[in-house]
């Protein structure tokens, strides 16, 4: 799925109730073609080890985050305490990771499943000029122009005809 198709869905197709079901079906078909992200967990494993957290890191099947789980509540609370310390938050961020603690994710009838999720954060590539990012109004205007370029439902300002 390319950016233009996503913009068209968000700004045009999803606004028309008659086509919403078909548009959603098409969007899900396009998303099925998206490949999973390849996550390098080595920096996270190293950072956790340096913090004194001994746990196996695994990637969630969607590939967008990783997690560590604990069988014992004491180990979980110790790990939470360690990753909540400001200096350790900084160490994780330097390694390119942010912790997303969710606690016990099991239902009341299941045994506890104590997990801490992590998501990878990346800085822009070195060759990208971060100061060249347009302001929000310019970006929204360009998105409207791109999304309405082939449409007869909207005028050039993105307003319904």
C-alpha atoms as a PDB file:
ATOM      1  CA  UNK A   1       0.000   0.000   0.000  1.00  0.00           C
ATOM      2  CA  UNK A   2       1.400   3.376  -0.901  1.00  0.00           C
ATOM      3  CA  UNK A   3       0.886   6.691   0.858  1.00  0.00           C
ATOM      4  CA  UNK A   4      -1.424   8.000  -1.864  1.00  0.00           C
ATOM      5  CA  UNK A   5      -3.818   5.037  -1.455  1.00  0.00           C
ATOM      6  CA  UNK A   6      -3.886   5.518   2.311  1.00  0.00           C
ATOM      7  CA  UNK A   7      -4.556   9.246   1.924  1.00  0.00           C
ATOM      8  CA  UNK A   8      -7.323   8.534  -0.565  1.00  0.00           C
ATOM      9  CA  UNK A   9      -8.927   6.130   1.910  1.00  0.00           C
ATOM     10  CA  UNK A  10      -8.605   8.478   4.884  1.00  0.00           C
ATOM     11  CA  UNK A  11      -9.718  11.687   3.185  1.00  0.00           C
ATOM     12  CA  UNK A  12     -12.159  10.407   0.541  1.00  0.00           C
ATOM     13  CA  UNK A  13     -13.361   6.829   0.624  1.00  0.00           C
ATOM     14  CA  UNK A  14     -13.929   6.622   4.381  1.00  0.00           C
ATOM     15  CA  UNK A  15     -16.027   9.807   4.249  1.00  0.00           C
ATOM     16  CA  UNK A  16     -18.606   8.274   1.910  1.00  0.00           C
ATOM     17  CA  UNK A  17     -20.872   5.899   3.900  1.00  0.00           C
ATOM     18  CA  UNK A  18     -22.003   4.037   0.774  1.00  0.00           C
ATOM     19  CA  UNK A  19     -18.458   2.903  -0.059  1.00  0.00           C
ATOM     20  CA  UNK A  20     -17.107   2.408   3.470  1.00  0.00           C
ATOM     21  CA  UNK A  21     -17.513  -1.383   3.633  1.00  0.00           C
ATOM     22  CA  UNK A  22     -15.875  -1.837   0.246  1.00  0.00           C
ATOM     23  CA  UNK A  23     -13.132   0.661   1.092  1.00  0.00           C
ATOM     24  CA  UNK A  24     -12.352  -1.135   4.366  1.00  0.00           C
ATOM     25  CA  UNK A  25     -12.250  -4.494   2.603  1.00  0.00           C
ATOM     26  CA  UNK A  26      -9.819  -3.081   0.039  1.00  0.00           C
ATOM     27  CA  UNK A  27      -7.689  -1.541   2.780  1.00  0.00           C
ATOM     28  CA  UNK A  28      -7.432  -4.885   4.627  1.00  0.00           C
ATOM     29  CA  UNK A  29      -6.474  -6.632   1.384  1.00  0.00           C
ATOM     30  CA  UNK A  30      -3.713  -4.066   0.856  1.00  0.00           C
ATOM     31  CA  UNK A  31      -2.511  -4.435   4.444  1.00  0.00           C
ATOM     32  CA  UNK A  32      -2.213  -8.197   3.985  1.00  0.00           C
ATOM     33  CA  UNK A  33       0.584  -7.512   1.492  1.00  0.00           C
ATOM     34  CA  UNK A  34       2.618  -5.517   4.021  1.00  0.00           C
ATOM     35  CA  UNK A  35       5.619  -7.474   5.206  1.00  0.00           C
ATOM     36  CA  UNK A  36       6.398  -7.800   8.898  1.00  0.00           C
ATOM     37  CA  UNK A  37       9.047  -5.558  10.350  1.00  0.00           C
ATOM     38  CA  UNK A  38      12.440  -7.048  11.021  1.00  0.00           C
ATOM     39  CA  UNK A  39      13.247  -6.134  14.618  1.00  0.00           C
ATOM     40  CA  UNK A  40      16.805  -6.337  15.901  1.00  0.00           C
ATOM     41  CA  UNK A  41      16.410  -7.139  19.601  1.00  0.00           C
ATOM     42  CA  UNK A  42      20.137  -7.427  20.377  1.00  0.00           C
ATOM     43  CA  UNK A  43      20.486  -3.790  21.587  1.00  0.00           C
ATOM     44  CA  UNK A  44      17.455  -4.255  23.852  1.00  0.00           C
ATOM     45  CA  UNK A  45      18.772  -7.527  25.246  1.00  0.00           C
ATOM     46  CA  UNK A  46      22.121  -5.882  25.968  1.00  0.00           C
ATOM     47  CA  UNK A  47      20.514  -2.829  27.606  1.00  0.00           C
ATOM     48  CA  UNK A  48      18.277  -5.005  29.800  1.00  0.00           C
ATOM     49  CA  UNK A  49      21.260  -7.115  30.807  1.00  0.00           C
ATOM     50  CA  UNK A  50      23.185  -3.975  31.792  1.00  0.00           C
ATOM     51  CA  UNK A  51      20.203  -2.909  33.924  1.00  0.00           C
ATOM     52  CA  UNK A  52      20.246  -6.281  35.686  1.00  0.00           C
ATOM     53  CA  UNK A  53      17.074  -7.636  34.098  1.00  0.00           C
ATOM     54  CA  UNK A  54      17.416 -11.276  33.115  1.00  0.00           C
ATOM     55  CA  UNK A  55      14.550 -12.176  30.779  1.00  0.00           C
ATOM     56  CA  UNK A  56      14.062 -13.604  27.311  1.00  0.00           C
ATOM     57  CA  UNK A  57      13.073 -10.986  24.762  1.00  0.00           C
ATOM     58  CA  UNK A  58      10.630 -12.062  22.078  1.00  0.00           C
ATOM     59  CA  UNK A  59       8.973 -10.266  19.183  1.00  0.00           C
ATOM     60  CA  UNK A  60       5.189  -9.973  19.022  1.00  0.00           C
ATOM     61  CA  UNK A  61       3.998 -11.655  15.785  1.00  0.00           C
ATOM     62  CA  UNK A  62       2.946  -8.341  14.212  1.00  0.00           C
ATOM     63  CA  UNK A  63       6.607  -7.345  14.473  1.00  0.00           C
ATOM     64  CA  UNK A  64       5.872  -3.904  15.833  1.00  0.00           C
ATOM     65  CA  UNK A  65       6.958  -4.528  19.417  1.00  0.00           C
ATOM     66  CA  UNK A  66       8.860  -6.869  21.618  1.00  0.00           C
ATOM     67  CA  UNK A  67       8.154  -8.122  25.111  1.00  0.00           C
ATOM     68  CA  UNK A  68       9.557  -9.796  28.173  1.00  0.00           C
ATOM     69  CA  UNK A  69       7.380 -11.877  30.471  1.00  0.00           C
ATOM     70  CA  UNK A  70       7.786 -12.920  34.068  1.00  0.00           C
ATOM     71  CA  UNK A  71       6.337 -15.918  35.880  1.00  0.00           C
ATOM     72  CA  UNK A  72       6.963 -14.408  39.306  1.00  0.00           C
ATOM     73  CA  UNK A  73       5.391 -11.134  40.427  1.00  0.00           C
ATOM     74  CA  UNK A  74       8.515 -10.195  42.420  1.00  0.00           C
ATOM     75  CA  UNK A  75      10.704 -10.388  39.313  1.00  0.00           C
ATOM     76  CA  UNK A  76       8.149  -8.374  37.343  1.00  0.00           C
ATOM     77  CA  UNK A  77       7.942  -5.608  39.976  1.00  0.00           C
ATOM     78  CA  UNK A  78      11.746  -5.469  40.254  1.00  0.00           C
ATOM     79  CA  UNK A  79      12.033  -5.080  36.478  1.00  0.00           C
ATOM     80  CA  UNK A  80       9.334  -2.381  36.482  1.00  0.00           C
ATOM     81  CA  UNK A  81      11.202  -0.519  39.183  1.00  0.00           C
ATOM     82  CA  UNK A  82      14.441  -0.715  37.204  1.00  0.00           C
ATOM     83  CA  UNK A  83      12.997   0.446  33.868  1.00  0.00           C
ATOM     84  CA  UNK A  84      11.075   3.266  35.597  1.00  0.00           C
ATOM     85  CA  UNK A  85      14.235   4.843  36.987  1.00  0.00           C
ATOM     86  CA  UNK A  86      14.973   7.983  34.941  1.00  0.00           C
ATOM     87  CA  UNK A  87      18.589   7.110  34.276  1.00  0.00           C
ATOM     88  CA  UNK A  88      17.528   3.667  33.043  1.00  0.00           C
ATOM     89  CA  UNK A  89      14.805   5.178  30.826  1.00  0.00           C
ATOM     90  CA  UNK A  90      17.582   7.232  29.262  1.00  0.00           C
ATOM     91  CA  UNK A  91      19.790   4.147  28.819  1.00  0.00           C
ATOM     92  CA  UNK A  92      16.972   2.284  27.077  1.00  0.00           C
ATOM     93  CA  UNK A  93      16.282   5.276  24.841  1.00  0.00           C
ATOM     94  CA  UNK A  94      19.970   5.512  23.932  1.00  0.00           C
ATOM     95  CA  UNK A  95      19.745   1.867  22.862  1.00  0.00           C
ATOM     96  CA  UNK A  96      16.690   2.780  20.754  1.00  0.00           C
ATOM     97  CA  UNK A  97      13.897   1.367  22.925  1.00  0.00           C
ATOM     98  CA  UNK A  98      10.993   2.634  25.039  1.00  0.00           C
ATOM     99  CA  UNK A  99       9.280   0.481  27.679  1.00  0.00           C
ATOM    100  CA  UNK A 100       5.490   0.081  27.654  1.00  0.00           C
ATOM    101  CA  UNK A 101       4.564  -1.713  30.902  1.00  0.00           C
ATOM    102  CA  UNK A 102       1.078  -3.261  30.764  1.00  0.00           C
ATOM    103  CA  UNK A 103       1.038  -5.482  33.827  1.00  0.00           C
ATOM    104  CA  UNK A 104      -0.998  -8.655  34.095  1.00  0.00           C
ATOM    105  CA  UNK A 105      -2.618  -9.315  30.721  1.00  0.00           C
ATOM    106  CA  UNK A 106      -4.331 -12.572  31.695  1.00  0.00           C
ATOM    107  CA  UNK A 107      -8.047 -12.924  32.382  1.00  0.00           C
ATOM    108  CA  UNK A 108      -9.331 -13.584  35.886  1.00  0.00           C
ATOM    109  CA  UNK A 109      -9.537 -17.324  35.240  1.00  0.00           C
ATOM    110  CA  UNK A 110      -5.972 -17.636  33.936  1.00  0.00           C
ATOM    111  CA  UNK A 111      -2.713 -17.635  35.813  1.00  0.00           C
ATOM    112  CA  UNK A 112      -0.972 -14.242  35.799  1.00  0.00           C
ATOM    113  CA  UNK A 113       1.001 -13.271  32.722  1.00  0.00           C
ATOM    114  CA  UNK A 114       3.167 -10.334  33.683  1.00  0.00           C
ATOM    115  CA  UNK A 115       4.687  -8.588  30.679  1.00  0.00           C
ATOM    116  CA  UNK A 116       6.583  -5.469  29.776  1.00  0.00           C
ATOM    117  CA  UNK A 117       6.388  -4.437  26.134  1.00  0.00           C
ATOM    118  CA  UNK A 118       9.006  -2.428  24.301  1.00  0.00           C
ATOM    119  CA  UNK A 119       8.796  -0.479  21.096  1.00  0.00           C
ATOM    120  CA  UNK A 120      11.762   0.460  18.978  1.00  0.00           C
ATOM    121  CA  UNK A 121      12.406   4.130  18.291  1.00  0.00           C
ATOM    122  CA  UNK A 122      14.630   5.246  15.486  1.00  0.00           C
ATOM    123  CA  UNK A 123      16.092   8.598  14.628  1.00  0.00           C
ATOM    124  CA  UNK A 124      15.917   9.864  11.057  1.00  0.00           C
ATOM    125  CA  UNK A 125      18.632   8.596   8.756  1.00  0.00           C
ATOM    126  CA  UNK A 126      21.797  10.673   8.695  1.00  0.00           C
ATOM    127  CA  UNK A 127      21.168  11.918   5.167  1.00  0.00           C
ATOM    128  CA  UNK A 128      17.687  13.266   6.028  1.00  0.00           C
ATOM    129  CA  UNK A 129      17.492  16.983   6.755  1.00  0.00           C
ATOM    130  CA  UNK A 130      15.201  17.192   9.803  1.00  0.00           C
ATOM    131  CA  UNK A 131      14.841  20.961   9.338  1.00  0.00           C
ATOM    132  CA  UNK A 132      13.280  20.414   5.904  1.00  0.00           C
ATOM    133  CA  UNK A 133      10.033  19.081   7.409  1.00  0.00           C
ATOM    134  CA  UNK A 134       7.135  21.360   6.371  1.00  0.00           C
ATOM    135  CA  UNK A 135       4.830  22.892   8.949  1.00  0.00           C
ATOM    136  CA  UNK A 136       1.525  21.157   9.723  1.00  0.00           C
ATOM    137  CA  UNK A 137      -0.660  23.451   7.582  1.00  0.00           C
ATOM    138  CA  UNK A 138       1.531  22.914   4.535  1.00  0.00           C
ATOM    139  CA  UNK A 139       1.521  19.159   5.115  1.00  0.00           C
ATOM    140  CA  UNK A 140      -2.284  19.025   5.479  1.00  0.00           C
ATOM    141  CA  UNK A 141      -2.774  21.175   2.369  1.00  0.00           C
ATOM    142  CA  UNK A 142      -0.507  18.863   0.352  1.00  0.00           C
ATOM    143  CA  UNK A 143      -2.317  15.773   1.688  1.00  0.00           C
ATOM    144  CA  UNK A 144      -5.681  17.240   0.661  1.00  0.00           C
ATOM    145  CA  UNK A 145      -4.346  18.093  -2.784  1.00  0.00           C
ATOM    146  CA  UNK A 146      -2.944  14.591  -3.254  1.00  0.00           C
ATOM    147  CA  UNK A 147      -6.081  12.896  -1.976  1.00  0.00           C
ATOM    148  CA  UNK A 148      -8.471  15.016  -4.039  1.00  0.00           C
ATOM    149  CA  UNK A 149      -6.422  15.160  -7.232  1.00  0.00           C
ATOM    150  CA  UNK A 150      -8.573  12.588  -9.042  1.00  0.00           C
ATOM    151  CA  UNK A 151     -11.835  13.292  -7.261  1.00  0.00           C
ATOM    152  CA  UNK A 152     -14.864  15.110  -8.553  1.00  0.00           C
ATOM    153  CA  UNK A 153     -16.454  15.132  -5.054  1.00  0.00           C
ATOM    154  CA  UNK A 154     -14.111  17.821  -3.684  1.00  0.00           C
ATOM    155  CA  UNK A 155     -12.865  21.178  -4.892  1.00  0.00           C
ATOM    156  CA  UNK A 156      -9.198  22.226  -4.933  1.00  0.00           C
ATOM    157  CA  UNK A 157      -9.366  23.349  -1.279  1.00  0.00           C
ATOM    158  CA  UNK A 158     -10.546  19.909  -0.154  1.00  0.00           C
ATOM    159  CA  UNK A 159     -14.112  21.052   0.505  1.00  0.00           C
ATOM    160  CA  UNK A 160     -17.121  18.982  -0.628  1.00  0.00           C
ATOM    161  CA  UNK A 161     -18.759  20.271  -3.806  1.00  0.00           C
END
